[in-house]
Amino acid sequence: MDLEHDFKPFLIFGIVFTLCLVMVTLGGIELAGVWMDAMYPIFFLFAVAGLSISWIRWKNLNEKS
């Protein structure tokens, strides 16, 4: 596993936090709970960061080969 070029952990990280975002957005406090509703900005930050890093690494991987 090459951490400098591997994009899959960041893709999984971004997908998990995107699912948390969807659950909080669609379910609200009744489904997700108060603590997940409070964590919404952090979920958004981590989802965007994980998907962005995985996209950049995947793009660089395909350009070099």
Protein backbone atom coordinates (compact mmCIF):
# COMPACT_ATOMS: atom_id res chain seq x y z
CA MET A 1 0.00 0.00 0.00
CA ASP A 2 1.47 3.30 -1.12
CA LEU A 3 -0.02 6.02 1.09
CA GLU A 4 1.15 8.77 -1.19
CA HIS A 5 -0.71 7.44 -4.23
CA ASP A 6 -3.52 5.35 -2.74
CA PHE A 7 -6.93 6.98 -3.00
CA LYS A 8 -9.24 4.24 -1.69
CA PRO A 9 -9.02 5.01 2.08
CA PHE A 10 -9.92 8.63 1.40
CA LEU A 11 -12.75 7.60 -0.92
CA ILE A 12 -14.21 5.32 1.75
CA PHE A 13 -13.74 8.06 4.36
CA GLY A 14 -15.59 10.55 2.14
CA ILE A 15 -18.42 8.14 1.38
CA VAL A 16 -18.98 7.30 5.06
CA PHE A 17 -19.20 10.95 6.02
CA THR A 18 -21.42 11.69 3.01
CA LEU A 19 -23.80 8.99 4.24
CA CYS A 20 -23.77 10.64 7.67
CA LEU A 21 -24.63 13.94 6.00
CA VAL A 22 -27.52 12.38 4.10
CA MET A 23 -28.86 10.72 7.24
CA VAL A 24 -28.77 13.98 9.20
CA THR A 25 -30.26 16.00 6.34
CA LEU A 26 -33.11 13.64 5.50
CA GLY A 27 -33.75 12.15 8.92
CA GLY A 28 -33.32 15.16 11.12
CA ILE A 29 -33.00 15.01 14.87
CA GLU A 30 -35.58 12.21 15.13
CA LEU A 31 -33.46 9.74 13.17
CA ALA A 32 -29.90 10.93 13.72
CA GLY A 33 -30.09 12.37 17.19
CA VAL A 34 -28.99 15.66 18.65
CA TRP A 35 -25.27 14.90 18.68
CA MET A 36 -25.16 14.05 14.96
CA ASP A 37 -27.16 17.18 14.19
CA ALA A 38 -24.55 19.19 16.07
CA MET A 39 -21.73 17.42 14.20
CA TYR A 40 -23.19 18.34 10.77
CA PRO A 41 -20.53 20.98 9.90
CA ILE A 42 -17.72 18.58 10.79
CA PHE A 43 -19.31 15.80 8.74
CA PHE A 44 -19.53 18.21 5.82
CA LEU A 45 -15.89 19.23 6.19
CA PHE A 46 -14.63 15.64 6.38
CA ALA A 47 -16.83 14.48 3.48
CA VAL A 48 -15.57 17.23 1.19
CA ALA A 49 -11.96 16.74 2.28
CA GLY A 50 -12.02 12.95 1.84
CA LEU A 51 -13.67 13.06 -1.58
CA SER A 52 -11.42 15.90 -2.76
CA ILE A 53 -8.21 14.18 -1.69
CA SER A 54 -9.29 10.90 -3.28
CA TRP A 55 -10.21 12.68 -6.53
CA ILE A 56 -6.85 14.48 -6.69
CA ARG A 57 -4.90 11.29 -5.99
CA TRP A 58 -6.94 9.27 -8.51
CA LYS A 59 -6.46 11.96 -11.15
CA ASN A 60 -2.68 12.09 -10.54
CA LEU A 61 -2.49 8.30 -10.66
CA ASN A 62 -4.16 8.19 -14.08
CA GLU A 63 -2.09 11.03 -15.52
CA LYS A 64 1.24 9.38 -14.69
CA SER A 65 0.42 6.05 -16.31
